[in-house]
Amino acid sequence: MKQFTLLYSIFILIFFASSIIYSQETPELKVKVNGTVQAWASYAQTNTDTNQVGFGLRRVRARFASTFGKHLKTFIQAELTSPKLLDARIEYIFTKAFQIRVGRFIGAGVRSGGLTSHTVLDIVERPFTAQQWGRETVGADYRDYGLAFLGTKNGFGYNLTLHNGNGKLNLKPSQRTTASVQTSGVAVSGMLFYKPKSVKGLEVGGYYGTGNKYQNDYTSFNGYIYFEPKPLRLKAEYISWTDKNGNADKTSAGFYGFAGYRVKSNIELVARYEQFDPNTNLTNDEQSLITIGATYSFYPAKWKTAKITAAYVIHNEASNAPTIDNNVFYVMGQYVF
């Protein structure tokens, strides 16, 4: 009953605030349609004496965005390789410091996860720990159904997200039906960050989240620092989460350090070191990855529009981890339109 009262109060607040805003203007509708194509070629060692070479499509995305005046936005994004709705959100922008987002979207979480767009990935793939975090918390696509409060002011930013805790769970009970699953719990994720105007390219922040014990019970946190005074880019992030679904809690953790340098207006050399521990209660089960590569952009002024990134990944396992030869070389071409 307390949760219902809270949500009802939030709805009433949004309704009356939006009524005041929209009664003062005649909104103009603007629409934008675009997308992304990412093509992939790779050569990988899959075991001691086996390998794989081939071609594929990493992502084919279609996006629709619209604005209705200064205060209302909507955004829809779908993946077309294996058709799936990724994003479908509505945003109410009261001020830059206070915005509300509802629907299915990327909420507060790991900085190198969904909060970094697929169009501006540092190398070919996200850090390994960020990928594992997504799979074991909200979902591999980093999105969930929920309600978020977010904003920025004087360089400080925040994001508080209330969500189902399972990105596959689309809840919509009505007067005709009752919920088929137990959902009395709500997942809560929050993050704070700071981008000082006095230090160009600097961003520091952190996140803490708890899962829905009826869907996926976990606690999670991270801390990160990004410093990108072009042509140099430096990034570091630590990520940890505890799975509470079993008889005993299991904590996983990892970190990465990234460096990139624009040697020419259209060429960037990149490197990343990562370490991931799937169970901090065990010893010598860590995995480490060293990635070196380069990106060539056909249009330096619009870096992400058309580019090619090539990288080689050296994957090592500690003595108690499964040991296989699983290094990989891959190339990804990207076109954003």
C-alpha atoms as a PDB file:
ATOM      1  CA  MET A   1       0.000   0.000   0.000  1.00  0.00           C
ATOM      2  CA  LYS A   2       2.877   2.377   0.785  1.00  0.00           C
ATOM      3  CA  GLN A   3       4.394   1.741  -2.654  1.00  0.00           C
ATOM      4  CA  PHE A   4       1.056   2.393  -4.335  1.00  0.00           C
ATOM      5  CA  THR A   5       0.662   5.687  -2.426  1.00  0.00           C
ATOM      6  CA  LEU A   6       4.161   6.775  -3.457  1.00  0.00           C
ATOM      7  CA  LEU A   7       3.616   6.003  -7.138  1.00  0.00           C
ATOM      8  CA  TYR A   8       0.190   7.637  -7.108  1.00  0.00           C
ATOM      9  CA  SER A   9       1.680  10.794  -5.559  1.00  0.00           C
ATOM     10  CA  ILE A  10       4.408  10.869  -8.224  1.00  0.00           C
ATOM     11  CA  PHE A  11       1.790  10.574 -10.968  1.00  0.00           C
ATOM     12  CA  ILE A  12      -0.280  13.441  -9.554  1.00  0.00           C
ATOM     13  CA  LEU A  13       2.859  15.612  -9.300  1.00  0.00           C
ATOM     14  CA  ILE A  14       3.792  14.920 -12.917  1.00  0.00           C
ATOM     15  CA  PHE A  15       0.247  15.541 -14.134  1.00  0.00           C
ATOM     16  CA  PHE A  16      -0.170  18.940 -12.511  1.00  0.00           C
ATOM     17  CA  ALA A  17       3.370  20.124 -13.295  1.00  0.00           C
ATOM     18  CA  SER A  18       3.019  19.185 -16.971  1.00  0.00           C
ATOM     19  CA  SER A  19      -0.408  20.829 -17.133  1.00  0.00           C
ATOM     20  CA  ILE A  20       1.113  24.128 -16.022  1.00  0.00           C
ATOM     21  CA  ILE A  21       3.955  23.871 -18.539  1.00  0.00           C
ATOM     22  CA  TYR A  22       1.894  22.998 -21.587  1.00  0.00           C
ATOM     23  CA  SER A  23      -0.844  25.523 -20.885  1.00  0.00           C
ATOM     24  CA  GLN A  24       1.748  28.252 -21.535  1.00  0.00           C
ATOM     25  CA  GLU A  25       2.867  27.351 -25.049  1.00  0.00           C
ATOM     26  CA  THR A  26       1.843  26.013 -28.439  1.00  0.00           C
ATOM     27  CA  PRO A  27       4.337  23.185 -29.017  1.00  0.00           C
ATOM     28  CA  GLU A  28       6.108  22.564 -32.326  1.00  0.00           C
ATOM     29  CA  LEU A  29       6.564  18.928 -33.390  1.00  0.00           C
ATOM     30  CA  LYS A  30       9.980  17.872 -34.724  1.00  0.00           C
ATOM     31  CA  VAL A  31      10.776  14.342 -35.928  1.00  0.00           C
ATOM     32  CA  LYS A  32      14.090  12.628 -36.694  1.00  0.00           C
ATOM     33  CA  VAL A  33      14.681   9.128 -38.097  1.00  0.00           C
ATOM     34  CA  ASN A  34      18.169   7.582 -38.311  1.00  0.00           C
ATOM     35  CA  GLY A  35      20.102   4.387 -37.674  1.00  0.00           C
ATOM     36  CA  THR A  36      23.378   2.488 -37.428  1.00  0.00           C
ATOM     37  CA  VAL A  37      24.983  -0.341 -39.385  1.00  0.00           C
ATOM     38  CA  GLN A  38      28.007  -2.138 -37.931  1.00  0.00           C
ATOM     39  CA  ALA A  39      29.637  -4.839 -40.071  1.00  0.00           C
ATOM     40  CA  TRP A  40      32.147  -7.265 -38.559  1.00  0.00           C
ATOM     41  CA  ALA A  41      34.988  -9.527 -39.657  1.00  0.00           C
ATOM     42  CA  SER A  42      37.020 -11.633 -37.233  1.00  0.00           C
ATOM     43  CA  TYR A  43      39.597 -14.357 -36.724  1.00  0.00           C
ATOM     44  CA  ALA A  44      39.474 -16.043 -33.317  1.00  0.00           C
ATOM     45  CA  GLN A  45      41.159 -18.885 -31.479  1.00  0.00           C
ATOM     46  CA  THR A  46      38.330 -20.860 -29.901  1.00  0.00           C
ATOM     47  CA  ASN A  47      40.454 -23.576 -28.274  1.00  0.00           C
ATOM     48  CA  THR A  48      43.968 -24.929 -28.272  1.00  0.00           C
ATOM     49  CA  ASP A  49      43.725 -26.371 -31.774  1.00  0.00           C
ATOM     50  CA  THR A  50      40.563 -24.781 -33.232  1.00  0.00           C
ATOM     51  CA  ASN A  51      39.792 -21.395 -34.671  1.00  0.00           C
ATOM     52  CA  GLN A  52      37.065 -19.491 -36.429  1.00  0.00           C
ATOM     53  CA  VAL A  53      37.100 -16.949 -39.229  1.00  0.00           C
ATOM     54  CA  GLY A  54      34.069 -15.210 -40.648  1.00  0.00           C
ATOM     55  CA  PHE A  55      31.884 -12.194 -41.202  1.00  0.00           C
ATOM     56  CA  GLY A  56      28.761 -10.853 -39.564  1.00  0.00           C
ATOM     57  CA  LEU A  57      26.612  -7.923 -38.576  1.00  0.00           C
ATOM     58  CA  ARG A  58      27.196  -6.682 -35.038  1.00  0.00           C
ATOM     59  CA  ARG A  59      24.360  -4.164 -34.973  1.00  0.00           C
ATOM     60  CA  VAL A  60      21.700  -2.838 -37.310  1.00  0.00           C
ATOM     61  CA  ARG A  61      19.728  -0.199 -35.436  1.00  0.00           C
ATOM     62  CA  ALA A  62      16.730   1.920 -36.398  1.00  0.00           C
ATOM     63  CA  ARG A  63      15.867   5.005 -34.326  1.00  0.00           C
ATOM     64  CA  PHE A  64      12.938   7.380 -34.148  1.00  0.00           C
ATOM     65  CA  ALA A  65      13.032  10.539 -32.047  1.00  0.00           C
ATOM     66  CA  SER A  66      10.631  13.435 -31.705  1.00  0.00           C
ATOM     67  CA  THR A  67      10.304  16.598 -29.661  1.00  0.00           C
ATOM     68  CA  PHE A  68       7.046  18.375 -28.899  1.00  0.00           C
ATOM     69  CA  GLY A  69       7.940  21.862 -27.828  1.00  0.00           C
ATOM     70  CA  LYS A  70      10.698  22.397 -25.268  1.00  0.00           C
ATOM     71  CA  HIS A  71       9.481  19.997 -22.628  1.00  0.00           C
ATOM     72  CA  LEU A  72       8.408  16.718 -24.197  1.00  0.00           C
ATOM     73  CA  LYS A  73      10.541  14.127 -26.016  1.00  0.00           C
ATOM     74  CA  THR A  74      10.112  10.551 -27.123  1.00  0.00           C
ATOM     75  CA  PHE A  75      12.694   8.057 -28.365  1.00  0.00           C
ATOM     76  CA  ILE A  76      12.313   4.590 -29.905  1.00  0.00           C
ATOM     77  CA  GLN A  77      15.158   2.270 -30.938  1.00  0.00           C
ATOM     78  CA  ALA A  78      15.050  -1.270 -32.313  1.00  0.00           C
ATOM     79  CA  GLU A  79      17.695  -3.863 -33.148  1.00  0.00           C
ATOM     80  CA  LEU A  80      17.057  -5.442 -36.560  1.00  0.00           C
ATOM     81  CA  THR A  81      19.591  -8.302 -36.728  1.00  0.00           C
ATOM     82  CA  SER A  82      17.446 -10.310 -34.316  1.00  0.00           C
ATOM     83  CA  PRO A  83      14.381  -8.050 -34.163  1.00  0.00           C
ATOM     84  CA  LYS A  84      14.016  -6.598 -30.679  1.00  0.00           C
ATOM     85  CA  LEU A  85      12.650  -3.414 -29.156  1.00  0.00           C
ATOM     86  CA  LEU A  86      15.451  -1.775 -27.191  1.00  0.00           C
ATOM     87  CA  ASP A  87      14.247   1.675 -26.181  1.00  0.00           C
ATOM     88  CA  ALA A  88      10.790   3.216 -25.957  1.00  0.00           C
ATOM     89  CA  ARG A  89      10.737   6.170 -23.608  1.00  0.00           C
ATOM     90  CA  ILE A  90       8.927   9.435 -22.941  1.00  0.00           C
ATOM     91  CA  GLU A  91      10.752  12.351 -21.333  1.00  0.00           C
ATOM     92  CA  TYR A  92       9.234  15.325 -19.505  1.00  0.00           C
ATOM     93  CA  ILE A  93      11.792  18.145 -19.254  1.00  0.00           C
ATOM     94  CA  PHE A  94      10.637  20.591 -16.575  1.00  0.00           C
ATOM     95  CA  THR A  95      14.070  22.224 -16.355  1.00  0.00           C
ATOM     96  CA  LYS A  96      17.602  21.106 -17.179  1.00  0.00           C
ATOM     97  CA  ALA A  97      17.993  20.251 -13.504  1.00  0.00           C
ATOM     98  CA  PHE A  98      14.826  18.151 -13.260  1.00  0.00           C
ATOM     99  CA  GLN A  99      13.601  15.698 -15.873  1.00  0.00           C
ATOM    100  CA  ILE A 100      11.435  12.593 -15.744  1.00  0.00           C
ATOM    101  CA  ARG A 101      11.802   9.562 -18.013  1.00  0.00           C
ATOM    102  CA  VAL A 102       9.341   6.662 -18.301  1.00  0.00           C
ATOM    103  CA  GLY A 103       9.225   3.516 -20.459  1.00  0.00           C
ATOM    104  CA  ARG A 104      12.032   1.126 -21.374  1.00  0.00           C
ATOM    105  CA  PHE A 105      15.451   2.754 -21.293  1.00  0.00           C
ATOM    106  CA  ILE A 106      19.001   2.746 -19.937  1.00  0.00           C
ATOM    107  CA  GLY A 107      18.871   3.874 -16.326  1.00  0.00           C
ATOM    108  CA  ALA A 108      21.531   4.663 -13.746  1.00  0.00           C
ATOM    109  CA  GLY A 109      24.331   2.117 -13.921  1.00  0.00           C
ATOM    110  CA  VAL A 110      27.815   1.314 -15.128  1.00  0.00           C
ATOM    111  CA  ARG A 111      29.352   4.154 -17.158  1.00  0.00           C
ATOM    112  CA  SER A 112      30.966   1.924 -19.799  1.00  0.00           C
ATOM    113  CA  GLY A 113      27.749  -0.104 -20.178  1.00  0.00           C
ATOM    114  CA  GLY A 114      24.676   1.252 -21.898  1.00  0.00           C
ATOM    115  CA  LEU A 115      25.447   4.818 -20.803  1.00  0.00           C
ATOM    116  CA  THR A 116      28.135   4.808 -23.490  1.00  0.00           C
ATOM    117  CA  SER A 117      26.395   4.742 -26.868  1.00  0.00           C
ATOM    118  CA  HIS A 118      27.233   1.902 -29.264  1.00  0.00           C
ATOM    119  CA  THR A 119      28.186   4.577 -31.817  1.00  0.00           C
ATOM    120  CA  VAL A 120      31.106   5.883 -29.713  1.00  0.00           C
ATOM    121  CA  LEU A 121      32.635   2.715 -28.266  1.00  0.00           C
ATOM    122  CA  ASP A 122      36.323   3.141 -27.448  1.00  0.00           C
ATOM    123  CA  ILE A 123      37.347   0.017 -29.324  1.00  0.00           C
ATOM    124  CA  VAL A 124      35.255  -2.716 -30.977  1.00  0.00           C
ATOM    125  CA  GLU A 125      33.543  -3.984 -27.824  1.00  0.00           C
ATOM    126  CA  ARG A 126      32.724  -2.686 -24.367  1.00  0.00           C
ATOM    127  CA  PRO A 127      34.958  -3.691 -21.429  1.00  0.00           C
ATOM    128  CA  PHE A 128      34.463  -7.324 -20.454  1.00  0.00           C
ATOM    129  CA  THR A 129      33.397  -6.520 -16.871  1.00  0.00           C
ATOM    130  CA  ALA A 130      30.727  -4.083 -18.117  1.00  0.00           C
ATOM    131  CA  GLN A 131      29.296  -6.808 -20.346  1.00  0.00           C
ATOM    132  CA  GLN A 132      29.202  -9.306 -17.469  1.00  0.00           C
ATOM    133  CA  TRP A 133      27.601  -6.723 -15.180  1.00  0.00           C
ATOM    134  CA  GLY A 134      24.765  -6.209 -17.666  1.00  0.00           C
ATOM    135  CA  ARG A 135      24.126  -9.937 -18.090  1.00  0.00           C
ATOM    136  CA  GLU A 136      23.936 -10.541 -14.343  1.00  0.00           C
ATOM    137  CA  THR A 137      21.891  -7.470 -13.333  1.00  0.00           C
ATOM    138  CA  VAL A 138      19.323  -5.685 -15.545  1.00  0.00           C
ATOM    139  CA  GLY A 139      20.108  -7.636 -18.736  1.00  0.00           C
ATOM    140  CA  ALA A 140      22.613  -7.856 -21.555  1.00  0.00           C
ATOM    141  CA  ASP A 141      21.178  -4.806 -23.358  1.00  0.00           C
ATOM    142  CA  TYR A 142      21.449  -2.677 -20.161  1.00  0.00           C
ATOM    143  CA  ARG A 143      17.779  -1.618 -20.367  1.00  0.00           C
ATOM    144  CA  ASP A 144      14.785  -2.039 -18.086  1.00  0.00           C
ATOM    145  CA  TYR A 145      11.219  -0.824 -17.736  1.00  0.00           C
ATOM    146  CA  GLY A 146      11.036   1.959 -15.200  1.00  0.00           C
ATOM    147  CA  LEU A 147      10.782   5.562 -14.066  1.00  0.00           C
ATOM    148  CA  ALA A 148      13.798   7.856 -13.743  1.00  0.00           C
ATOM    149  CA  PHE A 149      14.446  11.290 -12.262  1.00  0.00           C
ATOM    150  CA  LEU A 150      17.512  12.993 -13.687  1.00  0.00           C
ATOM    151  CA  GLY A 151      19.128  16.356 -14.329  1.00  0.00           C
ATOM    152  CA  THR A 152      22.282  18.472 -14.351  1.00  0.00           C
ATOM    153  CA  LYS A 153      23.266  21.803 -12.794  1.00  0.00           C
ATOM    154  CA  ASN A 154      26.617  23.575 -12.457  1.00  0.00           C
ATOM    155  CA  GLY A 155      28.450  20.522 -13.746  1.00  0.00           C
ATOM    156  CA  PHE A 156      26.811  18.113 -11.309  1.00  0.00           C
ATOM    157  CA  GLY A 157      24.432  15.428 -12.540  1.00  0.00           C
ATOM    158  CA  TYR A 158      22.206  12.782 -11.002  1.00  0.00           C
ATOM    159  CA  ASN A 159      20.004   9.882 -12.078  1.00  0.00           C
ATOM    160  CA  LEU A 160      17.624   7.994  -9.795  1.00  0.00           C
ATOM    161  CA  THR A 161      15.925   5.059 -11.519  1.00  0.00           C
ATOM    162  CA  LEU A 162      13.076   2.899 -10.174  1.00  0.00           C
ATOM    163  CA  HIS A 163      12.728  -0.212 -12.334  1.00  0.00           C
ATOM    164  CA  ASN A 164      11.394  -3.760 -12.484  1.00  0.00           C
ATOM    165  CA  GLY A 165      14.824  -5.349 -12.047  1.00  0.00           C
ATOM    166  CA  ASN A 166      14.433  -7.618 -15.075  1.00  0.00           C
ATOM    167  CA  GLY A 167      14.710  -6.064 -18.513  1.00  0.00           C
ATOM    168  CA  LYS A 168      12.499  -8.759 -20.031  1.00  0.00           C
ATOM    169  CA  LEU A 169       9.564  -8.106 -17.681  1.00  0.00           C
ATOM    170  CA  ASN A 170       6.973  -5.807 -19.271  1.00  0.00           C
ATOM    171  CA  LEU A 171       4.339  -5.354 -16.561  1.00  0.00           C
ATOM    172  CA  LYS A 172       0.907  -4.086 -17.586  1.00  0.00           C
ATOM    173  CA  PRO A 173      -1.850  -5.510 -15.363  1.00  0.00           C
ATOM    174  CA  SER A 174      -5.336  -4.113 -15.907  1.00  0.00           C
ATOM    175  CA  GLN A 175      -8.770  -4.411 -14.321  1.00  0.00           C
ATOM    176  CA  ARG A 176      -9.293  -7.592 -16.337  1.00  0.00           C
ATOM    177  CA  THR A 177      -6.206  -9.435 -15.113  1.00  0.00           C
ATOM    178  CA  THR A 178      -3.822  -9.671 -12.192  1.00  0.00           C
ATOM    179  CA  ALA A 179      -0.057  -9.886 -12.369  1.00  0.00           C
ATOM    180  CA  SER A 180       1.171 -13.399 -13.152  1.00  0.00           C
ATOM    181  CA  VAL A 181       4.391 -12.900 -11.166  1.00  0.00           C
ATOM    182  CA  GLN A 182       5.231 -11.620  -7.714  1.00  0.00           C
ATOM    183  CA  THR A 183       6.375  -8.019  -8.174  1.00  0.00           C
ATOM    184  CA  SER A 184       5.963  -6.332  -4.824  1.00  0.00           C
ATOM    185  CA  GLY A 185       9.638  -5.389  -4.923  1.00  0.00           C
ATOM    186  CA  VAL A 186      11.227  -2.605  -6.977  1.00  0.00           C
ATOM    187  CA  ALA A 187      14.832  -2.282  -8.093  1.00  0.00           C
ATOM    188  CA  VAL A 188      16.503   1.058  -7.306  1.00  0.00           C
ATOM    189  CA  SER A 189      19.568   2.466  -9.036  1.00  0.00           C
ATOM    190  CA  GLY A 190      21.201   5.831  -8.482  1.00  0.00           C
ATOM    191  CA  MET A 191      24.254   7.641  -9.782  1.00  0.00           C
ATOM    192  CA  LEU A 192      26.024  10.972  -9.330  1.00  0.00           C
ATOM    193  CA  PHE A 193      28.628  12.526 -11.609  1.00  0.00           C
ATOM    194  CA  TYR A 194      30.565  15.760 -12.029  1.00  0.00           C
ATOM    195  CA  LYS A 195      31.856  17.478 -15.169  1.00  0.00           C
ATOM    196  CA  PRO A 196      33.671  20.650 -14.077  1.00  0.00           C
ATOM    197  CA  LYS A 197      33.719  23.460 -16.627  1.00  0.00           C
ATOM    198  CA  SER A 198      37.162  24.461 -15.398  1.00  0.00           C
ATOM    199  CA  VAL A 199      38.736  21.137 -16.495  1.00  0.00           C
ATOM    200  CA  LYS A 200      37.794  20.333 -20.076  1.00  0.00           C
ATOM    201  CA  GLY A 201      37.050  16.671 -20.739  1.00  0.00           C
ATOM    202  CA  LEU A 202      36.963  15.546 -17.097  1.00  0.00           C
ATOM    203  CA  GLU A 203      34.117  13.416 -15.725  1.00  0.00           C
ATOM    204  CA  VAL A 204      34.040  11.559 -12.403  1.00  0.00           C
ATOM    205  CA  GLY A 205      31.146   9.626 -10.951  1.00  0.00           C
ATOM    206  CA  GLY A 206      29.753   6.624  -9.184  1.00  0.00           C
ATOM    207  CA  TYR A 207      26.691   4.391  -9.008  1.00  0.00           C
ATOM    208  CA  TYR A 208      24.922   2.160  -6.483  1.00  0.00           C
ATOM    209  CA  GLY A 209      21.992  -0.135  -7.160  1.00  0.00           C
ATOM    210  CA  THR A 210      19.860  -2.839  -5.589  1.00  0.00           C
ATOM    211  CA  GLY A 211      17.861  -5.402  -7.527  1.00  0.00           C
ATOM    212  CA  ASN A 212      14.287  -6.587  -7.089  1.00  0.00           C
ATOM    213  CA  LYS A 213      14.473  -9.619  -4.794  1.00  0.00           C
ATOM    214  CA  TYR A 214      11.487 -11.192  -6.582  1.00  0.00           C
ATOM    215  CA  GLN A 215      13.185 -10.936  -9.990  1.00  0.00           C
ATOM    216  CA  ASN A 216      16.947 -10.674  -9.556  1.00  0.00           C
ATOM    217  CA  ASP A 217      18.354  -9.996  -6.091  1.00  0.00           C
ATOM    218  CA  TYR A 218      21.688  -8.152  -6.168  1.00  0.00           C
ATOM    219  CA  THR A 219      23.622  -5.119  -4.979  1.00  0.00           C
ATOM    220  CA  SER A 220      26.037  -3.292  -7.224  1.00  0.00           C
ATOM    221  CA  PHE A 221      28.328  -0.265  -7.357  1.00  0.00           C
ATOM    222  CA  ASN A 222      30.990   1.378  -9.472  1.00  0.00           C
ATOM    223  CA  GLY A 223      33.335   4.345  -9.571  1.00  0.00           C
ATOM    224  CA  TYR A 224      34.929   5.908 -12.635  1.00  0.00           C
ATOM    225  CA  ILE A 225      37.070   8.744 -13.932  1.00  0.00           C
ATOM    226  CA  TYR A 226      37.176   9.857 -17.560  1.00  0.00           C
ATOM    227  CA  PHE A 227      39.633  12.496 -18.781  1.00  0.00           C
ATOM    228  CA  GLU A 228      39.508  13.372 -22.463  1.00  0.00           C
ATOM    229  CA  PRO A 229      41.558  16.502 -23.285  1.00  0.00           C
ATOM    230  CA  LYS A 230      41.729  15.697 -26.996  1.00  0.00           C
ATOM    231  CA  PRO A 231      43.815  14.387 -28.716  1.00  0.00           C
ATOM    232  CA  LEU A 232      44.377  12.275 -25.560  1.00  0.00           C
ATOM    233  CA  ARG A 233      41.685  10.140 -23.888  1.00  0.00           C
ATOM    234  CA  LEU A 234      42.095   8.316 -20.575  1.00  0.00           C
ATOM    235  CA  LYS A 235      39.476   6.219 -18.771  1.00  0.00           C
ATOM    236  CA  ALA A 236      39.357   4.000 -15.694  1.00  0.00           C
ATOM    237  CA  GLU A 237      36.458   2.264 -13.950  1.00  0.00           C
ATOM    238  CA  TYR A 238      35.925  -0.224 -11.134  1.00  0.00           C
ATOM    239  CA  ILE A 239      32.749  -2.349 -11.129  1.00  0.00           C
ATOM    240  CA  SER A 240      31.439  -4.785  -8.498  1.00  0.00           C
ATOM    241  CA  TRP A 241      28.185  -6.632  -7.890  1.00  0.00           C
ATOM    242  CA  THR A 242      26.924  -9.288  -5.482  1.00  0.00           C
ATOM    243  CA  ASP A 243      24.481 -11.981  -6.604  1.00  0.00           C
ATOM    244  CA  LYS A 244      22.102 -12.777  -3.719  1.00  0.00           C
ATOM    245  CA  ASN A 245      19.862 -15.282  -5.500  1.00  0.00           C
ATOM    246  CA  GLY A 246      21.551 -18.463  -4.282  1.00  0.00           C
ATOM    247  CA  ASN A 247      22.178 -20.066  -0.915  1.00  0.00           C
ATOM    248  CA  ALA A 248      25.343 -18.011  -0.544  1.00  0.00           C
ATOM    249  CA  ASP A 249      26.189 -14.552  -1.898  1.00  0.00           C
ATOM    250  CA  LYS A 250      28.679 -14.407  -4.773  1.00  0.00           C
ATOM    251  CA  THR A 251      30.580 -11.210  -5.534  1.00  0.00           C
ATOM    252  CA  SER A 252      32.128 -10.442  -8.921  1.00  0.00           C
ATOM    253  CA  ALA A 253      34.394  -7.476  -9.626  1.00  0.00           C
ATOM    254  CA  GLY A 254      36.604  -6.022 -12.286  1.00  0.00           C
ATOM    255  CA  PHE A 255      38.337  -2.922 -13.563  1.00  0.00           C
ATOM    256  CA  TYR A 256      39.812  -1.514 -16.738  1.00  0.00           C
ATOM    257  CA  GLY A 257      42.132   1.244 -17.859  1.00  0.00           C
ATOM    258  CA  PHE A 258      41.891   2.731 -21.345  1.00  0.00           C
ATOM    259  CA  ALA A 259      44.092   5.114 -23.339  1.00  0.00           C
ATOM    260  CA  GLY A 260      43.546   6.592 -26.773  1.00  0.00           C
ATOM    261  CA  TYR A 261      45.584   9.117 -28.750  1.00  0.00           C
ATOM    262  CA  ARG A 262      44.602  10.873 -31.972  1.00  0.00           C
ATOM    263  CA  VAL A 263      47.861  10.729 -33.968  1.00  0.00           C
ATOM    264  CA  LYS A 264      46.144  12.377 -36.939  1.00  0.00           C
ATOM    265  CA  SER A 265      42.806  14.090 -37.348  1.00  0.00           C
ATOM    266  CA  ASN A 266      41.331  10.815 -38.655  1.00  0.00           C
ATOM    267  CA  ILE A 267      43.426   8.140 -36.876  1.00  0.00           C
ATOM    268  CA  GLU A 268      43.328   7.160 -33.203  1.00  0.00           C
ATOM    269  CA  LEU A 269      45.514   4.535 -31.540  1.00  0.00           C
ATOM    270  CA  VAL A 270      43.810   2.769 -28.633  1.00  0.00           C
ATOM    271  CA  ALA A 271      44.704   0.326 -25.869  1.00  0.00           C
ATOM    272  CA  ARG A 272      42.901  -1.172 -22.871  1.00  0.00           C
ATOM    273  CA  TYR A 273      43.874  -3.402 -19.956  1.00  0.00           C
ATOM    274  CA  GLU A 274      41.138  -5.260 -18.050  1.00  0.00           C
ATOM    275  CA  GLN A 275      40.898  -7.677 -15.179  1.00  0.00           C
ATOM    276  CA  PHE A 276      37.789  -9.563 -14.106  1.00  0.00           C
ATOM    277  CA  ASP A 277      37.254 -11.771 -11.054  1.00  0.00           C
ATOM    278  CA  PRO A 278      34.059 -13.867 -11.366  1.00  0.00           C
ATOM    279  CA  ASN A 279      34.097 -14.838  -7.671  1.00  0.00           C
ATOM    280  CA  THR A 280      36.095 -12.814  -5.175  1.00  0.00           C
ATOM    281  CA  ASN A 281      35.786 -15.619  -2.601  1.00  0.00           C
ATOM    282  CA  LEU A 282      37.996 -17.842  -4.755  1.00  0.00           C
ATOM    283  CA  THR A 283      41.682 -17.346  -5.486  1.00  0.00           C
ATOM    284  CA  ASN A 284      43.493 -17.426  -8.820  1.00  0.00           C
ATOM    285  CA  ASP A 285      40.340 -17.443 -10.942  1.00  0.00           C
ATOM    286  CA  GLU A 286      40.825 -14.013 -12.523  1.00  0.00           C
ATOM    287  CA  GLN A 287      40.803 -13.253 -16.227  1.00  0.00           C
ATOM    288  CA  SER A 288      42.780 -10.475 -17.869  1.00  0.00           C
ATOM    289  CA  LEU A 289      42.444  -8.936 -21.314  1.00  0.00           C
ATOM    290  CA  ILE A 290      44.874  -6.723 -23.194  1.00  0.00           C
ATOM    291  CA  THR A 291      43.454  -4.985 -26.268  1.00  0.00           C
ATOM    292  CA  ILE A 292      45.394  -2.902 -28.766  1.00  0.00           C
ATOM    293  CA  GLY A 293      43.923  -1.343 -31.869  1.00  0.00           C
ATOM    294  CA  ALA A 294      43.303   1.666 -34.060  1.00  0.00           C
ATOM    295  CA  THR A 295      40.362   3.580 -35.509  1.00  0.00           C
ATOM    296  CA  TYR A 296      40.209   5.313 -38.896  1.00  0.00           C
ATOM    297  CA  SER A 297      37.450   7.866 -39.457  1.00  0.00           C
ATOM    298  CA  PHE A 298      36.480   8.851 -42.998  1.00  0.00           C
ATOM    299  CA  TYR A 299      35.099  12.191 -41.789  1.00  0.00           C
ATOM    300  CA  PRO A 300      37.122  13.491 -38.794  1.00  0.00           C
ATOM    301  CA  ALA A 301      34.723  16.382 -38.154  1.00  0.00           C
ATOM    302  CA  LYS A 302      31.966  13.797 -37.659  1.00  0.00           C
ATOM    303  CA  TRP A 303      34.070  11.047 -36.138  1.00  0.00           C
ATOM    304  CA  LYS A 304      31.380   8.427 -35.512  1.00  0.00           C
ATOM    305  CA  THR A 305      29.561   8.767 -38.857  1.00  0.00           C
ATOM    306  CA  ALA A 306      31.799   6.448 -40.906  1.00  0.00           C
ATOM    307  CA  LYS A 307      34.747   4.673 -39.326  1.00  0.00           C
ATOM    308  CA  ILE A 308      36.678   1.406 -39.192  1.00  0.00           C
ATOM    309  CA  THR A 309      38.152  -0.016 -35.979  1.00  0.00           C
ATOM    310  CA  ALA A 310      40.591  -2.938 -35.840  1.00  0.00           C
ATOM    311  CA  ALA A 311      41.813  -4.570 -32.623  1.00  0.00           C
ATOM    312  CA  TYR A 312      43.631  -7.603 -31.265  1.00  0.00           C
ATOM    313  CA  VAL A 313      42.638  -9.048 -27.870  1.00  0.00           C
ATOM    314  CA  ILE A 314      44.971 -11.179 -25.738  1.00  0.00           C
ATOM    315  CA  HIS A 315      42.917 -13.120 -23.186  1.00  0.00           C
ATOM    316  CA  ASN A 316      44.688 -14.715 -20.200  1.00  0.00           C
ATOM    317  CA  GLU A 317      43.319 -16.818 -17.317  1.00  0.00           C
ATOM    318  CA  ALA A 318      44.746 -17.436 -13.856  1.00  0.00           C
ATOM    319  CA  SER A 319      45.661 -20.944 -12.705  1.00  0.00           C
ATOM    320  CA  ASN A 320      42.219 -21.826 -11.302  1.00  0.00           C
ATOM    321  CA  ALA A 321      40.261 -20.451 -14.255  1.00  0.00           C
ATOM    322  CA  PRO A 322      39.460 -22.504 -17.388  1.00  0.00           C
ATOM    323  CA  THR A 323      42.504 -22.107 -19.614  1.00  0.00           C
ATOM    324  CA  ILE A 324      41.955 -21.969 -23.376  1.00  0.00           C
ATOM    325  CA  ASP A 325      43.534 -20.130 -26.290  1.00  0.00           C
ATOM    326  CA  ASN A 326      40.885 -17.546 -27.016  1.00  0.00           C
ATOM    327  CA  ASN A 327      42.640 -14.543 -28.513  1.00  0.00           C
ATOM    328  CA  VAL A 328      40.793 -12.686 -31.245  1.00  0.00           C
ATOM    329  CA  PHE A 329      41.455 -10.218 -34.047  1.00  0.00           C
ATOM    330  CA  TYR A 330      38.473  -8.304 -35.345  1.00  0.00           C
ATOM    331  CA  VAL A 331      37.563  -5.404 -37.564  1.00  0.00           C
ATOM    332  CA  MET A 332      34.310  -3.456 -37.397  1.00  0.00           C
ATOM    333  CA  GLY A 333      33.034  -0.951 -39.915  1.00  0.00           C
ATOM    334  CA  GLN A 334      30.421   1.572 -38.772  1.00  0.00           C
ATOM    335  CA  TYR A 335      28.061   3.913 -40.576  1.00  0.00           C
ATOM    336  CA  VAL A 336      25.676   6.157 -38.650  1.00  0.00           C
ATOM    337  CA  PHE A 337      23.016   7.950 -40.676  1.00  0.00           C
END
